[in-house]
Amino acid sequence: MECPCCGNKKKERSPEEYKSLTHRLSRIEGQVRGIRGMVEKSAYCTDILVQVSAVSAALNAFSRELMDQHIRTCVARDIREGKEEAIDDLMAALKKLMK
């Protein structure tokens, strides 16, 4: 769906979807702050790297959840409406994620 004032695409999310995504992001923010604290306290390198790996995994899980919701809602809707460009948009997004 496009924003009428600026033409940018927007997505209205259900309260459950919004809560799930923002909860995941809050946890990731906390993990990143924890890593910063470890650096400030001169924690051992491998201990920090383990936490960085955990944040990376959490971001990947967030991306998978968001992509799943995108395909089930936006892409499915656009395909039902005959908007074939939805497949091209999806493929472009997947290519960016798989770098």
C-alpha atoms as a PDB file:
ATOM      1  CA  MET A   1       0.000   0.000   0.000  1.00  0.00           C
ATOM      2  CA  GLU A   2       1.342   3.421  -0.894  1.00  0.00           C
ATOM      3  CA  CYS A   3       1.240   6.464   1.321  1.00  0.00           C
ATOM      4  CA  PRO A   4      -1.004   9.026  -0.418  1.00  0.00           C
ATOM      5  CA  CYS A   5       1.130  11.997   0.619  1.00  0.00           C
ATOM      6  CA  CYS A   6       4.576  10.799  -0.487  1.00  0.00           C
ATOM      7  CA  GLY A   7       4.058   7.653  -2.590  1.00  0.00           C
ATOM      8  CA  ASN A   8       6.253   5.483  -0.346  1.00  0.00           C
ATOM      9  CA  LYS A   9       5.059   1.974   0.318  1.00  0.00           C
ATOM     10  CA  LYS A  10       3.671   1.384   3.810  1.00  0.00           C
ATOM     11  CA  LYS A  11       2.470  -1.736   5.640  1.00  0.00           C
ATOM     12  CA  GLU A  12      -0.300  -1.781   8.186  1.00  0.00           C
ATOM     13  CA  ARG A  13       0.511  -4.465  10.726  1.00  0.00           C
ATOM     14  CA  SER A  14      -1.824  -6.280  13.054  1.00  0.00           C
ATOM     15  CA  PRO A  15      -1.309  -5.579  16.759  1.00  0.00           C
ATOM     16  CA  GLU A  16       0.130  -9.094  17.167  1.00  0.00           C
ATOM     17  CA  GLU A  17       2.574  -8.662  14.283  1.00  0.00           C
ATOM     18  CA  TYR A  18       3.655  -5.242  15.583  1.00  0.00           C
ATOM     19  CA  LYS A  19       4.147  -6.590  19.107  1.00  0.00           C
ATOM     20  CA  SER A  20       6.155  -9.588  17.936  1.00  0.00           C
ATOM     21  CA  LEU A  21       8.495  -7.535  15.745  1.00  0.00           C
ATOM     22  CA  THR A  22       9.038  -4.737  18.263  1.00  0.00           C
ATOM     23  CA  HIS A  23       9.635  -7.278  21.056  1.00  0.00           C
ATOM     24  CA  ARG A  24      12.336  -8.985  19.000  1.00  0.00           C
ATOM     25  CA  LEU A  25      13.956  -5.623  18.210  1.00  0.00           C
ATOM     26  CA  SER A  26      13.925  -4.606  21.864  1.00  0.00           C
ATOM     27  CA  ARG A  27      15.730  -7.815  22.801  1.00  0.00           C
ATOM     28  CA  ILE A  28      18.286  -7.224  20.048  1.00  0.00           C
ATOM     29  CA  GLU A  29      18.837  -3.650  21.262  1.00  0.00           C
ATOM     30  CA  GLY A  30      19.462  -5.010  24.742  1.00  0.00           C
ATOM     31  CA  GLN A  31      21.956  -7.524  23.399  1.00  0.00           C
ATOM     32  CA  VAL A  32      23.834  -4.795  21.505  1.00  0.00           C
ATOM     33  CA  ARG A  33      23.944  -2.609  24.618  1.00  0.00           C
ATOM     34  CA  GLY A  34      25.319  -5.620  26.477  1.00  0.00           C
ATOM     35  CA  ILE A  35      28.086  -5.983  23.916  1.00  0.00           C
ATOM     36  CA  ARG A  36      28.950  -2.318  24.294  1.00  0.00           C
ATOM     37  CA  GLY A  37      29.144  -2.837  28.052  1.00  0.00           C
ATOM     38  CA  MET A  38      31.454  -5.792  27.544  1.00  0.00           C
ATOM     39  CA  VAL A  39      33.761  -3.678  25.376  1.00  0.00           C
ATOM     40  CA  GLU A  40      33.703  -0.858  27.942  1.00  0.00           C
ATOM     41  CA  LYS A  41      34.613  -3.354  30.684  1.00  0.00           C
ATOM     42  CA  SER A  42      37.418  -4.853  28.571  1.00  0.00           C
ATOM     43  CA  ALA A  43      35.808  -8.286  28.329  1.00  0.00           C
ATOM     44  CA  TYR A  44      37.774 -11.043  26.647  1.00  0.00           C
ATOM     45  CA  CYS A  45      37.543 -10.981  22.833  1.00  0.00           C
ATOM     46  CA  THR A  46      35.997 -14.411  22.351  1.00  0.00           C
ATOM     47  CA  ASP A  47      33.330 -13.669  24.974  1.00  0.00           C
ATOM     48  CA  ILE A  48      32.342 -10.586  22.983  1.00  0.00           C
ATOM     49  CA  LEU A  49      32.407 -12.530  19.722  1.00  0.00           C
ATOM     50  CA  VAL A  50      30.007 -15.115  21.162  1.00  0.00           C
ATOM     51  CA  GLN A  51      27.567 -12.320  21.965  1.00  0.00           C
ATOM     52  CA  VAL A  52      28.026 -10.766  18.510  1.00  0.00           C
ATOM     53  CA  SER A  53      27.159 -14.150  17.024  1.00  0.00           C
ATOM     54  CA  ALA A  54      24.003 -14.267  19.167  1.00  0.00           C
ATOM     55  CA  VAL A  55      22.965 -10.804  17.927  1.00  0.00           C
ATOM     56  CA  SER A  56      23.609 -11.855  14.346  1.00  0.00           C
ATOM     57  CA  ALA A  57      21.421 -14.935  14.822  1.00  0.00           C
ATOM     58  CA  ALA A  58      18.694 -12.788  16.411  1.00  0.00           C
ATOM     59  CA  LEU A  59      18.764 -10.365  13.462  1.00  0.00           C
ATOM     60  CA  ASN A  60      18.539 -13.282  11.046  1.00  0.00           C
ATOM     61  CA  ALA A  61      15.517 -14.633  12.928  1.00  0.00           C
ATOM     62  CA  PHE A  62      13.918 -11.171  12.805  1.00  0.00           C
ATOM     63  CA  SER A  63      14.532 -11.029   9.041  1.00  0.00           C
ATOM     64  CA  ARG A  64      13.014 -14.487   8.539  1.00  0.00           C
ATOM     65  CA  GLU A  65       9.902 -13.558  10.521  1.00  0.00           C
ATOM     66  CA  LEU A  66       9.492 -10.285   8.647  1.00  0.00           C
ATOM     67  CA  MET A  67      10.014 -11.983   5.260  1.00  0.00           C
ATOM     68  CA  ASP A  68       7.489 -14.683   6.165  1.00  0.00           C
ATOM     69  CA  GLN A  69       4.906 -12.061   7.061  1.00  0.00           C
ATOM     70  CA  HIS A  70       5.723 -10.057   3.925  1.00  0.00           C
ATOM     71  CA  ILE A  71       5.219 -13.050   1.642  1.00  0.00           C
ATOM     72  CA  ARG A  72       1.998 -14.144   3.360  1.00  0.00           C
ATOM     73  CA  THR A  73       0.464 -10.661   3.289  1.00  0.00           C
ATOM     74  CA  CYS A  74       1.904  -8.121   0.844  1.00  0.00           C
ATOM     75  CA  VAL A  75       3.209 -10.467  -1.840  1.00  0.00           C
ATOM     76  CA  ALA A  76       0.187 -12.788  -1.732  1.00  0.00           C
ATOM     77  CA  ARG A  77      -2.189  -9.797  -1.946  1.00  0.00           C
ATOM     78  CA  ASP A  78      -0.325  -8.266  -4.877  1.00  0.00           C
ATOM     79  CA  ILE A  79      -0.253 -11.569  -6.780  1.00  0.00           C
ATOM     80  CA  ARG A  80      -4.003 -12.063  -6.199  1.00  0.00           C
ATOM     81  CA  GLU A  81      -4.508  -8.548  -7.574  1.00  0.00           C
ATOM     82  CA  GLY A  82      -2.511  -9.447 -10.688  1.00  0.00           C
ATOM     83  CA  LYS A  83       0.528  -7.331  -9.830  1.00  0.00           C
ATOM     84  CA  GLU A  84       3.250  -9.489 -11.362  1.00  0.00           C
ATOM     85  CA  GLU A  85       5.948  -7.006 -10.294  1.00  0.00           C
ATOM     86  CA  ALA A  86       5.457  -8.350  -6.754  1.00  0.00           C
ATOM     87  CA  ILE A  87       7.551 -11.370  -7.727  1.00  0.00           C
ATOM     88  CA  ASP A  88      10.360  -9.161  -9.025  1.00  0.00           C
ATOM     89  CA  ASP A  89      10.228  -7.100  -5.815  1.00  0.00           C
ATOM     90  CA  LEU A  90      10.367 -10.274  -3.726  1.00  0.00           C
ATOM     91  CA  MET A  91      13.323 -11.628  -5.674  1.00  0.00           C
ATOM     92  CA  ALA A  92      15.184  -8.316  -5.271  1.00  0.00           C
ATOM     93  CA  ALA A  93      14.560  -8.395  -1.509  1.00  0.00           C
ATOM     94  CA  LEU A  94      15.772 -12.006  -1.280  1.00  0.00           C
ATOM     95  CA  LYS A  95      18.951 -11.169  -3.195  1.00  0.00           C
ATOM     96  CA  LYS A  96      19.689  -8.344  -0.767  1.00  0.00           C
ATOM     97  CA  LEU A  97      19.135 -10.613   2.223  1.00  0.00           C
ATOM     98  CA  MET A  98      21.325 -13.388   0.845  1.00  0.00           C
ATOM     99  CA  LYS A  99      24.492 -11.296   0.380  1.00  0.00           C
END
